[in-house]
Amino acid sequence: MKISIVTREFSNCHDCGVKPGQEHKPGCDVERCSHCGGQSLCCDSEEHDPAFSRWTGLWPGAAECFALGLVRPDGEPDLNTLIVKGLHKVFFVKPKA
């Protein structure tokens, strides 16, 4: 049985349960850091902007992978390649003003 947390349909956050458009709850392991692009839970940056990294309804990086053609043979987005190539920083890091 194939189980995937990545879907092409909008859903609530798989960890903290917020609805699309809402800021993640503190301690959410899905939220991306708007300063470094990594997992917010593992980053203690004071420059993180929770509003910039709010839940979109789609797993972080999934839509970007599909748009860039980064798709594994099983049809799932290749999130590892997105990160290895540093592209997560393009999409998850808030531009400096």
N, C-alpha and C. Protein backbone atom coordinates (compact mmCIF):
# COMPACT_ATOMS: atom_id res chain seq x y z
N MET A 1 0.84 -1.18 0.00
CA MET A 1 0.00 0.00 0.00
C MET A 1 0.89 1.24 0.00
N LYS A 2 0.63 2.15 -0.91
CA LYS A 2 1.40 3.38 -1.03
C LYS A 2 0.78 4.46 -0.15
N ILE A 3 1.61 5.04 0.70
CA ILE A 3 1.15 6.12 1.57
C ILE A 3 1.99 7.35 1.26
N SER A 4 1.34 8.47 1.05
CA SER A 4 2.04 9.71 0.74
C SER A 4 1.42 10.86 1.51
N ILE A 5 2.29 11.73 2.04
CA ILE A 5 1.78 12.94 2.69
C ILE A 5 1.66 14.07 1.69
N VAL A 6 2.19 13.84 0.48
CA VAL A 6 2.14 14.86 -0.56
C VAL A 6 0.94 14.58 -1.44
N THR A 7 0.06 15.56 -1.54
CA THR A 7 -1.11 15.42 -2.41
C THR A 7 -1.18 16.60 -3.36
N ARG A 8 -2.00 16.49 -4.35
CA ARG A 8 -2.22 17.59 -5.28
C ARG A 8 -3.50 18.34 -4.93
N GLU A 9 -4.04 18.01 -3.76
CA GLU A 9 -5.26 18.67 -3.29
C GLU A 9 -4.94 19.46 -2.03
N PHE A 10 -5.61 20.57 -1.84
CA PHE A 10 -5.40 21.38 -0.65
C PHE A 10 -5.91 20.64 0.58
N SER A 11 -5.16 20.76 1.66
CA SER A 11 -5.55 20.12 2.91
C SER A 11 -5.03 20.95 4.08
N ASN A 12 -5.47 20.60 5.27
CA ASN A 12 -4.92 21.23 6.47
C ASN A 12 -3.50 20.72 6.68
N CYS A 13 -2.70 21.46 7.43
CA CYS A 13 -1.32 21.05 7.72
C CYS A 13 -1.34 19.68 8.40
N HIS A 14 -0.48 18.81 7.94
CA HIS A 14 -0.43 17.45 8.45
C HIS A 14 0.07 17.36 9.88
N ASP A 15 0.76 18.40 10.37
CA ASP A 15 1.28 18.36 11.73
C ASP A 15 0.44 19.19 12.70
N CYS A 16 0.30 20.47 12.41
CA CYS A 16 -0.38 21.35 13.38
C CYS A 16 -1.85 21.58 13.07
N GLY A 17 -2.31 21.14 11.90
CA GLY A 17 -3.73 21.17 11.58
C GLY A 17 -4.31 22.49 11.11
N VAL A 18 -3.47 23.52 10.92
CA VAL A 18 -4.03 24.80 10.47
C VAL A 18 -4.56 24.68 9.04
N LYS A 19 -5.48 25.56 8.71
CA LYS A 19 -6.08 25.59 7.38
C LYS A 19 -5.19 26.37 6.42
N PRO A 20 -5.34 26.16 5.11
CA PRO A 20 -4.56 26.93 4.13
C PRO A 20 -4.72 28.43 4.38
N GLY A 21 -3.57 29.14 4.34
CA GLY A 21 -3.55 30.57 4.56
C GLY A 21 -3.24 30.97 5.98
N GLN A 22 -3.28 30.03 6.91
CA GLN A 22 -3.01 30.34 8.31
C GLN A 22 -1.54 30.09 8.64
N GLU A 23 -1.06 30.80 9.67
CA GLU A 23 0.30 30.58 10.16
C GLU A 23 0.34 29.25 10.92
N HIS A 24 1.46 28.54 10.79
CA HIS A 24 1.63 27.29 11.53
C HIS A 24 1.64 27.57 13.02
N LYS A 25 1.24 26.58 13.80
CA LYS A 25 1.30 26.69 15.26
C LYS A 25 2.75 26.46 15.70
N PRO A 26 3.16 27.05 16.83
CA PRO A 26 4.52 26.86 17.32
C PRO A 26 4.87 25.37 17.47
N GLY A 27 6.07 25.02 17.02
CA GLY A 27 6.53 23.64 17.12
C GLY A 27 6.14 22.75 15.96
N CYS A 28 5.49 23.30 14.95
CA CYS A 28 5.08 22.50 13.79
C CYS A 28 6.33 22.04 13.03
N ASP A 29 6.39 20.74 12.73
CA ASP A 29 7.57 20.23 12.02
C ASP A 29 7.47 20.35 10.50
N VAL A 30 6.36 20.86 9.99
CA VAL A 30 6.20 21.06 8.55
C VAL A 30 6.63 22.47 8.13
N GLU A 31 6.50 23.44 9.02
CA GLU A 31 6.80 24.84 8.70
C GLU A 31 8.25 25.01 8.26
N ARG A 32 8.44 25.76 7.19
CA ARG A 32 9.78 26.08 6.68
C ARG A 32 10.22 27.42 7.26
N CYS A 33 11.51 27.59 7.51
CA CYS A 33 12.05 28.84 8.03
C CYS A 33 12.17 29.85 6.90
N SER A 34 11.61 31.01 7.07
CA SER A 34 11.66 32.04 6.03
C SER A 34 13.03 32.72 5.95
N HIS A 35 13.92 32.40 6.87
CA HIS A 35 15.27 32.99 6.86
C HIS A 35 16.29 32.07 6.17
N CYS A 36 16.25 30.77 6.48
CA CYS A 36 17.25 29.84 5.92
C CYS A 36 16.66 28.85 4.92
N GLY A 37 15.34 28.65 4.94
CA GLY A 37 14.69 27.71 4.03
C GLY A 37 14.60 26.30 4.57
N GLY A 38 15.22 26.06 5.71
CA GLY A 38 15.17 24.74 6.32
C GLY A 38 13.93 24.57 7.17
N GLN A 39 13.91 23.51 7.93
CA GLN A 39 12.79 23.24 8.82
C GLN A 39 12.80 24.25 9.95
N SER A 40 11.73 24.97 10.13
CA SER A 40 11.65 26.03 11.14
C SER A 40 11.88 25.48 12.55
N LEU A 41 11.41 24.29 12.80
CA LEU A 41 11.54 23.67 14.11
C LEU A 41 13.01 23.51 14.51
N CYS A 42 13.89 23.34 13.53
CA CYS A 42 15.33 23.13 13.79
C CYS A 42 16.14 24.41 13.70
N CYS A 43 15.50 25.53 13.45
CA CYS A 43 16.20 26.80 13.26
C CYS A 43 15.78 27.77 14.36
N ASP A 44 16.76 28.47 14.90
CA ASP A 44 16.42 29.44 15.95
C ASP A 44 16.62 30.88 15.48
N SER A 45 16.49 31.09 14.18
CA SER A 45 16.67 32.42 13.62
C SER A 45 15.61 33.38 14.15
N GLU A 46 16.05 34.56 14.54
CA GLU A 46 15.12 35.59 14.99
C GLU A 46 14.52 36.36 13.82
N GLU A 47 15.00 36.09 12.61
CA GLU A 47 14.51 36.78 11.42
C GLU A 47 13.38 36.02 10.73
N HIS A 48 12.98 34.89 11.29
CA HIS A 48 11.90 34.08 10.71
C HIS A 48 10.59 34.86 10.74
N ASP A 49 9.86 34.82 9.63
CA ASP A 49 8.57 35.49 9.50
C ASP A 49 7.47 34.44 9.33
N PRO A 50 6.74 34.11 10.40
CA PRO A 50 5.70 33.08 10.31
C PRO A 50 4.63 33.38 9.26
N ALA A 51 4.35 34.65 9.00
CA ALA A 51 3.34 34.99 8.00
C ALA A 51 3.82 34.63 6.59
N PHE A 52 5.13 34.76 6.33
CA PHE A 52 5.67 34.42 5.02
C PHE A 52 5.63 32.92 4.78
N SER A 53 5.78 32.15 5.83
CA SER A 53 5.85 30.69 5.69
C SER A 53 4.55 30.00 6.09
N ARG A 54 3.46 30.72 6.04
CA ARG A 54 2.18 30.13 6.43
C ARG A 54 1.84 28.92 5.53
N TRP A 55 0.95 28.10 6.02
CA TRP A 55 0.54 26.88 5.31
C TRP A 55 -0.22 27.24 4.05
N THR A 56 0.18 26.65 2.93
CA THR A 56 -0.47 26.96 1.65
C THR A 56 -1.58 25.96 1.30
N GLY A 57 -1.60 24.85 2.01
CA GLY A 57 -2.55 23.80 1.67
C GLY A 57 -1.88 22.65 0.95
N LEU A 58 -0.64 22.86 0.52
CA LEU A 58 0.15 21.83 -0.17
C LEU A 58 1.46 21.62 0.57
N TRP A 59 1.99 20.41 0.55
CA TRP A 59 3.25 20.11 1.21
C TRP A 59 4.33 21.04 0.69
N PRO A 60 5.15 21.64 1.56
CA PRO A 60 6.19 22.57 1.12
C PRO A 60 7.12 21.96 0.07
N GLY A 61 7.19 22.59 -1.08
CA GLY A 61 8.05 22.15 -2.16
C GLY A 61 7.37 21.28 -3.20
N ALA A 62 6.21 20.73 -2.90
CA ALA A 62 5.55 19.82 -3.83
C ALA A 62 5.17 20.53 -5.13
N ALA A 63 4.48 21.65 -5.03
CA ALA A 63 4.06 22.38 -6.22
C ALA A 63 5.28 22.86 -7.02
N GLU A 64 6.32 23.27 -6.29
CA GLU A 64 7.55 23.74 -6.95
C GLU A 64 8.21 22.60 -7.72
N CYS A 65 8.25 21.41 -7.12
CA CYS A 65 8.82 20.24 -7.81
C CYS A 65 8.04 19.92 -9.08
N PHE A 66 6.73 19.91 -8.99
CA PHE A 66 5.91 19.61 -10.17
C PHE A 66 6.15 20.66 -11.26
N ALA A 67 6.24 21.93 -10.87
CA ALA A 67 6.46 23.00 -11.85
C ALA A 67 7.83 22.90 -12.51
N LEU A 68 8.83 22.43 -11.75
CA LEU A 68 10.19 22.31 -12.28
C LEU A 68 10.47 20.96 -12.94
N GLY A 69 9.50 20.07 -12.91
CA GLY A 69 9.69 18.74 -13.49
C GLY A 69 10.52 17.82 -12.61
N LEU A 70 10.63 18.14 -11.33
CA LEU A 70 11.37 17.30 -10.39
C LEU A 70 10.41 16.26 -9.82
N VAL A 71 10.20 15.21 -10.57
CA VAL A 71 9.23 14.18 -10.19
C VAL A 71 9.91 12.81 -10.24
N ARG A 72 9.72 12.03 -9.19
CA ARG A 72 10.29 10.69 -9.12
C ARG A 72 9.53 9.76 -10.06
N PRO A 73 10.10 8.59 -10.36
CA PRO A 73 9.41 7.64 -11.24
C PRO A 73 8.02 7.21 -10.75
N ASP A 74 7.80 7.27 -9.43
CA ASP A 74 6.49 6.88 -8.91
C ASP A 74 5.47 8.02 -8.95
N GLY A 75 5.87 9.17 -9.54
CA GLY A 75 4.95 10.29 -9.69
C GLY A 75 4.96 11.27 -8.53
N GLU A 76 5.71 10.97 -7.48
CA GLU A 76 5.80 11.86 -6.32
C GLU A 76 6.82 12.96 -6.60
N PRO A 77 6.66 14.14 -5.97
CA PRO A 77 7.65 15.21 -6.16
C PRO A 77 8.99 14.80 -5.55
N ASP A 78 10.08 15.17 -6.21
CA ASP A 78 11.41 14.83 -5.73
C ASP A 78 11.92 15.95 -4.82
N LEU A 79 11.45 15.94 -3.59
CA LEU A 79 11.80 16.98 -2.62
C LEU A 79 13.28 16.96 -2.27
N ASN A 80 13.88 15.77 -2.28
CA ASN A 80 15.31 15.68 -1.98
C ASN A 80 16.14 16.44 -3.01
N THR A 81 15.83 16.29 -4.28
CA THR A 81 16.57 17.00 -5.32
C THR A 81 16.35 18.50 -5.19
N LEU A 82 15.15 18.91 -4.85
CA LEU A 82 14.87 20.34 -4.64
C LEU A 82 15.83 20.92 -3.60
N ILE A 83 16.03 20.18 -2.52
CA ILE A 83 16.90 20.66 -1.45
C ILE A 83 18.38 20.54 -1.82
N VAL A 84 18.78 19.41 -2.40
CA VAL A 84 20.19 19.21 -2.77
C VAL A 84 20.66 20.29 -3.75
N LYS A 85 19.79 20.69 -4.66
CA LYS A 85 20.14 21.74 -5.63
C LYS A 85 20.02 23.15 -5.04
N GLY A 86 19.57 23.25 -3.80
CA GLY A 86 19.44 24.55 -3.15
C GLY A 86 18.23 25.35 -3.59
N LEU A 87 17.34 24.72 -4.35
CA LEU A 87 16.18 25.45 -4.86
C LEU A 87 15.16 25.77 -3.77
N HIS A 88 15.21 25.05 -2.66
CA HIS A 88 14.28 25.35 -1.56
C HIS A 88 14.50 26.78 -1.06
N LYS A 89 15.73 27.26 -1.16
CA LYS A 89 16.03 28.62 -0.69
C LYS A 89 15.38 29.66 -1.60
N VAL A 90 15.23 29.34 -2.86
CA VAL A 90 14.58 30.26 -3.80
C VAL A 90 13.11 30.43 -3.44
N PHE A 91 12.49 29.36 -3.00
CA PHE A 91 11.06 29.37 -2.76
C PHE A 91 10.66 29.64 -1.31
N PHE A 92 11.50 29.24 -0.34
CA PHE A 92 11.12 29.33 1.05
C PHE A 92 11.74 30.50 1.81
N VAL A 93 12.79 31.10 1.27
CA VAL A 93 13.46 32.19 1.97
C VAL A 93 12.85 33.53 1.55
N LYS A 94 12.48 34.32 2.53
CA LYS A 94 11.88 35.63 2.28
C LYS A 94 12.94 36.58 1.73
N PRO A 95 12.67 37.22 0.60
CA PRO A 95 13.64 38.17 0.04
C PRO A 95 13.90 39.33 1.01
N LYS A 96 15.11 39.79 1.00
CA LYS A 96 15.46 40.94 1.85
C LYS A 96 14.84 42.21 1.27
N ALA A 97 14.40 43.06 2.15
CA ALA A 97 13.74 44.31 1.72
C ALA A 97 14.73 45.29 1.16
